[in-house]
N, C-alpha and C. Protein backbone atom coordinates (compact mmCIF):
# COMPACT_ATOMS: atom_id res chain seq x y z
N MET A 1 -9.24 6.66 -7.06
CA MET A 1 -8.74 6.18 -5.79
C MET A 1 -8.13 7.36 -5.04
N ALA A 2 -8.53 7.51 -3.80
CA ALA A 2 -8.03 8.61 -2.98
C ALA A 2 -6.57 8.36 -2.61
N HIS A 3 -5.89 9.43 -2.26
CA HIS A 3 -4.46 9.35 -2.03
C HIS A 3 -4.09 8.68 -0.70
N ALA A 4 -4.47 9.26 0.44
CA ALA A 4 -3.91 8.78 1.71
C ALA A 4 -4.95 8.66 2.81
N LEU A 5 -4.74 7.63 3.62
CA LEU A 5 -5.55 7.37 4.80
C LEU A 5 -4.61 7.27 5.99
N ILE A 6 -4.94 7.98 7.06
CA ILE A 6 -4.20 7.87 8.32
C ILE A 6 -5.16 7.28 9.34
N ILE A 7 -4.70 6.22 10.00
CA ILE A 7 -5.50 5.60 11.07
C ILE A 7 -4.70 5.68 12.35
N GLY A 8 -5.15 6.51 13.28
CA GLY A 8 -4.54 6.60 14.60
C GLY A 8 -5.38 5.79 15.56
N TYR A 9 -4.74 4.87 16.27
CA TYR A 9 -5.55 4.01 17.13
C TYR A 9 -4.89 3.79 18.49
N GLY A 10 -5.72 3.39 19.42
CA GLY A 10 -5.30 3.16 20.80
C GLY A 10 -6.44 3.54 21.73
N ASN A 11 -6.21 3.36 23.00
CA ASN A 11 -7.24 3.63 24.00
C ASN A 11 -6.97 4.98 24.66
N PRO A 12 -7.79 5.99 24.36
CA PRO A 12 -7.56 7.32 24.95
C PRO A 12 -7.82 7.38 26.45
N LEU A 13 -8.28 6.28 27.05
CA LEU A 13 -8.49 6.24 28.50
C LEU A 13 -7.37 5.49 29.22
N ARG A 14 -6.29 5.17 28.47
CA ARG A 14 -5.14 4.47 29.04
C ARG A 14 -3.86 5.26 28.80
N SER A 15 -3.88 6.53 29.16
CA SER A 15 -2.71 7.42 29.09
C SER A 15 -2.05 7.36 27.72
N ASP A 16 -0.76 6.98 27.66
CA ASP A 16 -0.02 7.04 26.40
C ASP A 16 -0.54 6.08 25.34
N ASP A 17 -1.31 5.09 25.72
CA ASP A 17 -1.91 4.20 24.72
C ASP A 17 -2.82 5.00 23.79
N GLY A 18 -3.29 6.15 24.24
CA GLY A 18 -4.13 7.01 23.42
C GLY A 18 -3.37 7.90 22.45
N PHE A 19 -2.03 7.73 22.36
CA PHE A 19 -1.25 8.60 21.49
C PHE A 19 -1.71 8.54 20.04
N GLY A 20 -1.94 7.37 19.50
CA GLY A 20 -2.36 7.25 18.10
C GLY A 20 -3.65 8.00 17.85
N TRP A 21 -4.58 7.86 18.76
CA TRP A 21 -5.87 8.54 18.69
C TRP A 21 -5.66 10.06 18.73
N ASP A 22 -4.90 10.50 19.73
CA ASP A 22 -4.63 11.92 19.92
C ASP A 22 -3.89 12.51 18.71
N ALA A 23 -2.89 11.79 18.22
CA ALA A 23 -2.11 12.27 17.07
C ALA A 23 -2.99 12.41 15.84
N ALA A 24 -3.87 11.44 15.61
CA ALA A 24 -4.77 11.51 14.45
C ALA A 24 -5.67 12.74 14.53
N GLN A 25 -6.17 13.02 15.72
CA GLN A 25 -7.02 14.22 15.87
C GLN A 25 -6.23 15.48 15.57
N LYS A 26 -4.99 15.56 16.06
CA LYS A 26 -4.16 16.74 15.80
C LYS A 26 -3.80 16.83 14.31
N LEU A 27 -3.48 15.69 13.70
CA LEU A 27 -3.13 15.69 12.28
C LEU A 27 -4.29 16.17 11.41
N SER A 28 -5.50 15.83 11.81
CA SER A 28 -6.67 16.24 11.02
C SER A 28 -6.83 17.76 11.01
N THR A 29 -6.28 18.44 12.02
CA THR A 29 -6.34 19.91 12.03
C THR A 29 -5.10 20.55 11.41
N CYS A 30 -3.97 19.81 11.37
CA CYS A 30 -2.71 20.35 10.82
C CYS A 30 -2.58 20.14 9.31
N LEU A 31 -3.14 19.07 8.83
CA LEU A 31 -2.96 18.70 7.43
C LEU A 31 -4.25 19.01 6.66
N HIS A 32 -4.14 19.88 5.71
CA HIS A 32 -5.32 20.28 4.94
C HIS A 32 -5.15 19.81 3.50
N ASP A 33 -5.70 18.64 3.22
CA ASP A 33 -5.59 18.05 1.90
C ASP A 33 -6.90 17.33 1.62
N SER A 34 -7.55 17.69 0.54
CA SER A 34 -8.84 17.07 0.22
C SER A 34 -8.67 15.60 -0.15
N ASP A 35 -7.45 15.17 -0.41
CA ASP A 35 -7.17 13.79 -0.79
C ASP A 35 -6.66 12.97 0.39
N LEU A 36 -6.98 13.42 1.61
CA LEU A 36 -6.51 12.77 2.83
C LEU A 36 -7.69 12.52 3.75
N GLU A 37 -7.75 11.32 4.30
CA GLU A 37 -8.76 11.00 5.30
C GLU A 37 -8.05 10.55 6.56
N VAL A 38 -8.52 11.04 7.70
CA VAL A 38 -7.91 10.69 8.99
C VAL A 38 -8.99 10.05 9.86
N LEU A 39 -8.68 8.87 10.41
CA LEU A 39 -9.61 8.15 11.27
C LEU A 39 -9.00 7.90 12.63
N THR A 40 -9.84 7.87 13.65
CA THR A 40 -9.42 7.45 14.99
C THR A 40 -10.20 6.18 15.33
N ARG A 41 -9.50 5.24 15.91
CA ARG A 41 -10.12 3.97 16.30
C ARG A 41 -9.50 3.48 17.60
N HIS A 42 -10.27 2.69 18.33
CA HIS A 42 -9.73 2.06 19.54
C HIS A 42 -8.81 0.91 19.15
N GLN A 43 -9.13 0.23 18.04
CA GLN A 43 -8.32 -0.87 17.55
C GLN A 43 -8.60 -1.07 16.07
N LEU A 44 -7.74 -1.83 15.42
CA LEU A 44 -7.94 -2.14 14.01
C LEU A 44 -8.91 -3.32 13.92
N THR A 45 -9.90 -3.20 13.05
CA THR A 45 -10.91 -4.24 12.90
C THR A 45 -11.06 -4.60 11.43
N PRO A 46 -11.61 -5.78 11.13
CA PRO A 46 -11.76 -6.22 9.74
C PRO A 46 -12.52 -5.24 8.85
N GLU A 47 -13.43 -4.48 9.41
CA GLU A 47 -14.22 -3.53 8.62
C GLU A 47 -13.35 -2.47 7.95
N LEU A 48 -12.17 -2.22 8.50
CA LEU A 48 -11.26 -1.22 7.92
C LEU A 48 -10.60 -1.70 6.63
N ALA A 49 -10.68 -2.98 6.32
CA ALA A 49 -10.07 -3.50 5.09
C ALA A 49 -10.69 -2.83 3.86
N GLU A 50 -11.99 -2.67 3.86
CA GLU A 50 -12.67 -2.03 2.72
C GLU A 50 -12.24 -0.57 2.63
N THR A 51 -12.17 0.11 3.75
CA THR A 51 -11.74 1.50 3.75
C THR A 51 -10.33 1.63 3.18
N ALA A 52 -9.41 0.79 3.65
CA ALA A 52 -8.02 0.84 3.19
C ALA A 52 -7.92 0.56 1.69
N SER A 53 -8.83 -0.23 1.16
CA SER A 53 -8.77 -0.59 -0.27
C SER A 53 -8.98 0.61 -1.19
N ARG A 54 -9.51 1.69 -0.66
CA ARG A 54 -9.81 2.87 -1.48
C ARG A 54 -8.68 3.89 -1.51
N PHE A 55 -7.52 3.55 -0.92
CA PHE A 55 -6.43 4.51 -0.82
C PHE A 55 -5.14 3.96 -1.41
N GLN A 56 -4.29 4.88 -1.87
CA GLN A 56 -2.97 4.52 -2.40
C GLN A 56 -1.95 4.37 -1.29
N LEU A 57 -2.16 5.09 -0.19
CA LEU A 57 -1.22 5.11 0.93
C LEU A 57 -2.01 5.02 2.23
N VAL A 58 -1.56 4.14 3.12
CA VAL A 58 -2.19 4.02 4.44
C VAL A 58 -1.08 4.16 5.49
N ILE A 59 -1.31 5.04 6.46
CA ILE A 59 -0.36 5.27 7.55
C ILE A 59 -1.06 4.92 8.86
N PHE A 60 -0.48 3.99 9.60
CA PHE A 60 -1.00 3.58 10.90
C PHE A 60 -0.17 4.25 11.98
N ILE A 61 -0.83 4.75 13.03
CA ILE A 61 -0.12 5.40 14.13
C ILE A 61 -0.60 4.79 15.44
N ASP A 62 0.36 4.37 16.28
CA ASP A 62 0.02 3.70 17.53
C ASP A 62 1.14 3.94 18.54
N ALA A 63 0.85 3.66 19.80
CA ALA A 63 1.86 3.70 20.86
C ALA A 63 2.55 2.34 20.92
N ALA A 64 3.77 2.33 21.41
CA ALA A 64 4.54 1.08 21.52
C ALA A 64 5.06 0.91 22.94
N VAL A 65 5.07 -0.33 23.39
CA VAL A 65 5.61 -0.63 24.72
C VAL A 65 7.08 -1.00 24.65
N ASP A 66 7.59 -1.27 23.44
CA ASP A 66 8.97 -1.74 23.30
C ASP A 66 9.95 -0.66 22.84
N LEU A 67 9.55 0.59 22.93
CA LEU A 67 10.43 1.72 22.59
C LEU A 67 10.56 2.63 23.80
N PRO A 68 11.69 3.32 23.93
CA PRO A 68 11.80 4.32 25.00
C PRO A 68 10.72 5.39 24.84
N PRO A 69 10.25 5.97 25.93
CA PRO A 69 9.20 6.98 25.86
C PRO A 69 9.54 8.12 24.89
N GLY A 70 8.64 8.37 23.97
CA GLY A 70 8.80 9.45 23.01
C GLY A 70 9.59 9.10 21.77
N GLU A 71 10.25 7.93 21.73
CA GLU A 71 11.02 7.55 20.55
C GLU A 71 10.08 7.12 19.43
N LEU A 72 10.40 7.58 18.22
CA LEU A 72 9.57 7.32 17.04
C LEU A 72 10.19 6.22 16.19
N ARG A 73 9.34 5.30 15.73
CA ARG A 73 9.78 4.26 14.80
C ARG A 73 8.80 4.26 13.63
N CYS A 74 9.34 4.31 12.42
CA CYS A 74 8.52 4.28 11.21
C CYS A 74 8.99 3.13 10.35
N GLU A 75 8.11 2.20 10.07
CA GLU A 75 8.45 1.03 9.27
C GLU A 75 7.50 0.92 8.08
N ARG A 76 8.08 0.67 6.93
CA ARG A 76 7.26 0.39 5.75
C ARG A 76 6.74 -1.03 5.89
N ILE A 77 5.48 -1.23 5.58
CA ILE A 77 4.90 -2.57 5.61
C ILE A 77 5.05 -3.13 4.20
N ALA A 78 5.96 -4.06 4.05
CA ALA A 78 6.28 -4.61 2.73
C ALA A 78 5.19 -5.57 2.27
N GLN A 79 5.03 -5.67 0.95
CA GLN A 79 4.04 -6.60 0.40
C GLN A 79 4.37 -8.04 0.80
N SER A 80 5.64 -8.35 0.98
CA SER A 80 6.00 -9.71 1.41
C SER A 80 5.41 -10.00 2.79
N GLU A 81 5.41 -8.99 3.68
CA GLU A 81 4.81 -9.14 5.01
C GLU A 81 3.30 -9.32 4.88
N ILE A 82 2.69 -8.58 3.96
CA ILE A 82 1.25 -8.71 3.74
C ILE A 82 0.94 -10.12 3.26
N HIS A 83 1.76 -10.65 2.35
CA HIS A 83 1.52 -12.01 1.84
C HIS A 83 1.68 -13.05 2.95
N ARG A 84 2.66 -12.86 3.84
CA ARG A 84 2.82 -13.79 4.97
C ARG A 84 1.60 -13.74 5.88
N GLN A 85 1.13 -12.53 6.15
CA GLN A 85 -0.04 -12.38 6.99
C GLN A 85 -1.28 -12.96 6.32
N ARG A 86 -1.34 -12.81 5.02
CA ARG A 86 -2.48 -13.31 4.26
C ARG A 86 -2.60 -14.82 4.40
N GLU A 87 -1.46 -15.50 4.37
CA GLU A 87 -1.46 -16.95 4.51
C GLU A 87 -1.90 -17.37 5.92
N ALA A 88 -1.63 -16.54 6.91
CA ALA A 88 -1.94 -16.89 8.29
C ALA A 88 -3.14 -16.11 8.83
N SER A 89 -3.86 -15.41 7.97
CA SER A 89 -4.89 -14.50 8.47
C SER A 89 -6.09 -15.25 9.03
N SER A 90 -6.67 -14.62 10.02
CA SER A 90 -7.94 -15.08 10.56
C SER A 90 -8.70 -13.82 10.95
N PHE A 91 -10.01 -13.89 10.81
CA PHE A 91 -10.80 -12.72 11.17
C PHE A 91 -10.78 -12.56 12.68
N SER A 92 -10.53 -11.35 13.11
CA SER A 92 -10.37 -11.06 14.52
C SER A 92 -10.93 -9.68 14.80
N HIS A 93 -11.14 -9.42 16.07
CA HIS A 93 -11.59 -8.08 16.44
C HIS A 93 -10.42 -7.16 16.69
N SER A 94 -9.21 -7.68 16.69
CA SER A 94 -8.02 -6.86 16.88
C SER A 94 -6.94 -7.36 15.93
N LEU A 95 -6.52 -6.50 15.04
CA LEU A 95 -5.58 -6.86 14.00
C LEU A 95 -4.32 -6.01 14.08
N THR A 96 -3.24 -6.49 13.49
CA THR A 96 -2.05 -5.69 13.29
C THR A 96 -2.22 -4.94 11.97
N PRO A 97 -1.43 -3.90 11.74
CA PRO A 97 -1.52 -3.24 10.43
C PRO A 97 -1.28 -4.21 9.26
N ALA A 98 -0.30 -5.10 9.38
CA ALA A 98 -0.01 -6.05 8.30
C ALA A 98 -1.17 -7.02 8.08
N SER A 99 -1.79 -7.49 9.16
CA SER A 99 -2.91 -8.42 8.99
C SER A 99 -4.14 -7.71 8.42
N LEU A 100 -4.33 -6.44 8.76
CA LEU A 100 -5.43 -5.67 8.16
C LEU A 100 -5.19 -5.52 6.65
N LEU A 101 -3.96 -5.22 6.27
CA LEU A 101 -3.65 -5.09 4.84
C LEU A 101 -3.72 -6.43 4.13
N ALA A 102 -3.46 -7.53 4.84
CA ALA A 102 -3.64 -8.86 4.24
C ALA A 102 -5.11 -9.09 3.91
N LEU A 103 -5.99 -8.65 4.78
CA LEU A 103 -7.43 -8.74 4.49
C LEU A 103 -7.80 -7.86 3.30
N THR A 104 -7.22 -6.68 3.26
CA THR A 104 -7.48 -5.77 2.14
C THR A 104 -7.07 -6.44 0.82
N ALA A 105 -5.92 -7.07 0.83
CA ALA A 105 -5.44 -7.76 -0.37
C ALA A 105 -6.33 -8.95 -0.72
N GLU A 106 -6.70 -9.71 0.29
CA GLU A 106 -7.50 -10.91 0.05
C GLU A 106 -8.91 -10.59 -0.41
N LEU A 107 -9.53 -9.62 0.21
CA LEU A 107 -10.93 -9.32 -0.10
C LEU A 107 -11.13 -8.36 -1.27
N TYR A 108 -10.17 -7.46 -1.48
CA TYR A 108 -10.36 -6.40 -2.48
C TYR A 108 -9.26 -6.35 -3.55
N ALA A 109 -8.28 -7.25 -3.45
CA ALA A 109 -7.16 -7.31 -4.39
C ALA A 109 -6.48 -5.94 -4.54
N LYS A 110 -6.32 -5.24 -3.43
CA LYS A 110 -5.65 -3.94 -3.40
C LYS A 110 -4.44 -4.03 -2.49
N PHE A 111 -3.35 -3.35 -2.90
CA PHE A 111 -2.10 -3.35 -2.15
C PHE A 111 -1.63 -1.92 -1.95
N PRO A 112 -2.25 -1.16 -1.04
CA PRO A 112 -1.78 0.21 -0.84
C PRO A 112 -0.38 0.22 -0.22
N ASP A 113 0.40 1.26 -0.55
CA ASP A 113 1.64 1.47 0.18
C ASP A 113 1.25 1.72 1.62
N ALA A 114 2.05 1.24 2.56
CA ALA A 114 1.65 1.38 3.96
C ALA A 114 2.87 1.55 4.86
N TYR A 115 2.66 2.34 5.91
CA TYR A 115 3.68 2.59 6.93
C TYR A 115 3.05 2.47 8.31
N TYR A 116 3.85 1.97 9.23
CA TYR A 116 3.42 1.81 10.61
C TYR A 116 4.34 2.68 11.46
N ILE A 117 3.76 3.73 12.04
CA ILE A 117 4.53 4.64 12.89
C ILE A 117 4.12 4.38 14.34
N GLN A 118 5.13 4.12 15.16
CA GLN A 118 4.89 3.91 16.58
C GLN A 118 5.73 4.89 17.39
N VAL A 119 5.19 5.27 18.53
CA VAL A 119 5.89 6.13 19.48
C VAL A 119 5.90 5.41 20.82
N GLY A 120 7.08 5.32 21.41
CA GLY A 120 7.20 4.66 22.70
C GLY A 120 6.40 5.38 23.77
N GLY A 121 5.65 4.60 24.53
CA GLY A 121 4.85 5.15 25.61
C GLY A 121 5.57 5.04 26.95
N GLU A 122 5.18 5.92 27.85
CA GLU A 122 5.77 5.90 29.19
C GLU A 122 4.81 5.27 30.19
N SER A 123 3.53 5.60 30.07
CA SER A 123 2.52 5.10 31.00
C SER A 123 1.31 4.60 30.24
N PHE A 124 0.85 3.41 30.61
CA PHE A 124 -0.35 2.84 30.01
C PHE A 124 -1.41 2.62 31.09
N ALA A 125 -1.28 3.36 32.19
CA ALA A 125 -2.23 3.27 33.29
C ALA A 125 -3.52 4.02 32.92
N GLU A 126 -4.54 3.80 33.70
CA GLU A 126 -5.79 4.53 33.48
C GLU A 126 -5.53 6.03 33.56
N GLY A 127 -6.11 6.76 32.65
CA GLY A 127 -5.95 8.20 32.62
C GLY A 127 -6.11 8.71 31.21
N GLU A 128 -6.40 9.99 31.09
CA GLU A 128 -6.65 10.58 29.77
C GLU A 128 -5.52 11.48 29.31
N SER A 129 -4.43 11.62 30.10
CA SER A 129 -3.35 12.51 29.66
C SER A 129 -2.20 11.73 29.06
N ILE A 130 -1.63 12.34 28.05
CA ILE A 130 -0.44 11.81 27.39
C ILE A 130 0.77 12.38 28.14
N SER A 131 1.75 11.54 28.44
CA SER A 131 2.93 12.00 29.19
C SER A 131 3.71 13.03 28.36
N PRO A 132 4.44 13.93 29.03
CA PRO A 132 5.19 14.97 28.32
C PRO A 132 6.17 14.42 27.27
N ALA A 133 6.87 13.32 27.58
CA ALA A 133 7.82 12.76 26.62
C ALA A 133 7.12 12.29 25.35
N VAL A 134 5.94 11.75 25.50
CA VAL A 134 5.18 11.26 24.35
C VAL A 134 4.54 12.43 23.60
N GLN A 135 4.06 13.42 24.33
CA GLN A 135 3.51 14.62 23.67
C GLN A 135 4.58 15.28 22.80
N ALA A 136 5.82 15.28 23.27
CA ALA A 136 6.92 15.90 22.52
C ALA A 136 7.20 15.18 21.21
N ALA A 137 6.72 13.96 21.07
CA ALA A 137 6.95 13.19 19.83
C ALA A 137 6.01 13.62 18.71
N PHE A 138 5.03 14.48 19.01
CA PHE A 138 4.09 14.85 17.95
C PHE A 138 4.76 15.62 16.82
N GLU A 139 5.64 16.55 17.11
CA GLU A 139 6.28 17.33 16.03
C GLU A 139 7.12 16.45 15.11
N PRO A 140 7.97 15.54 15.65
CA PRO A 140 8.67 14.63 14.75
C PRO A 140 7.71 13.72 13.97
N LEU A 141 6.62 13.32 14.61
CA LEU A 141 5.60 12.52 13.91
C LEU A 141 5.01 13.31 12.76
N LEU A 142 4.66 14.55 13.00
CA LEU A 142 4.08 15.41 11.96
C LEU A 142 5.06 15.53 10.79
N ALA A 143 6.34 15.74 11.07
CA ALA A 143 7.35 15.84 10.01
C ALA A 143 7.43 14.53 9.23
N GLN A 144 7.38 13.40 9.92
CA GLN A 144 7.45 12.09 9.26
C GLN A 144 6.23 11.88 8.37
N VAL A 145 5.05 12.21 8.86
CA VAL A 145 3.82 12.05 8.07
C VAL A 145 3.86 12.96 6.85
N ARG A 146 4.29 14.19 7.02
CA ARG A 146 4.38 15.10 5.86
C ARG A 146 5.35 14.54 4.82
N SER A 147 6.45 13.98 5.27
CA SER A 147 7.42 13.39 4.34
C SER A 147 6.80 12.21 3.58
N LEU A 148 6.09 11.35 4.28
CA LEU A 148 5.45 10.20 3.64
C LEU A 148 4.38 10.66 2.63
N LEU A 149 3.63 11.67 2.99
CA LEU A 149 2.59 12.18 2.09
C LEU A 149 3.21 12.81 0.84
N ALA A 150 4.34 13.49 1.00
CA ALA A 150 5.03 14.12 -0.13
C ALA A 150 5.61 13.06 -1.07
N GLN A 151 6.09 11.95 -0.52
CA GLN A 151 6.65 10.88 -1.34
C GLN A 151 5.57 10.22 -2.19
N GLY A 152 4.38 10.09 -1.59
CA GLY A 152 3.30 9.36 -2.26
C GLY A 152 2.69 10.16 -3.35
């Protein structure tokens, strides 16, 4: 079983909503570990459940509308949350990290350690640039990801 999977997601054509995507691309060049896979996606989909089942650690990265611009929030996704999601799960084209892991548990009987890192966005308007406040969150994000990888 491989060590870690990072999934950065969001819409790179909606300004700061593309932060997860952008961060994943940058992380793939900053982190050199043969036991690490980094993916970019527009959204989380059921097909990722099989991918997540092959890893010990899964880190999700996305932009948030409920945080001040550039503020970082890192939450561990507890197995109790996965079990709650599992009971309420339905197949969808857009999933939360917990509901994706509920599918992973249900379909593959795997429970990877998981973290959800969000960075507050400033603008979600059409555009391909990340705002300066959100760009500045990359270094703290990199430090957080390195810490999570070292723990695992």
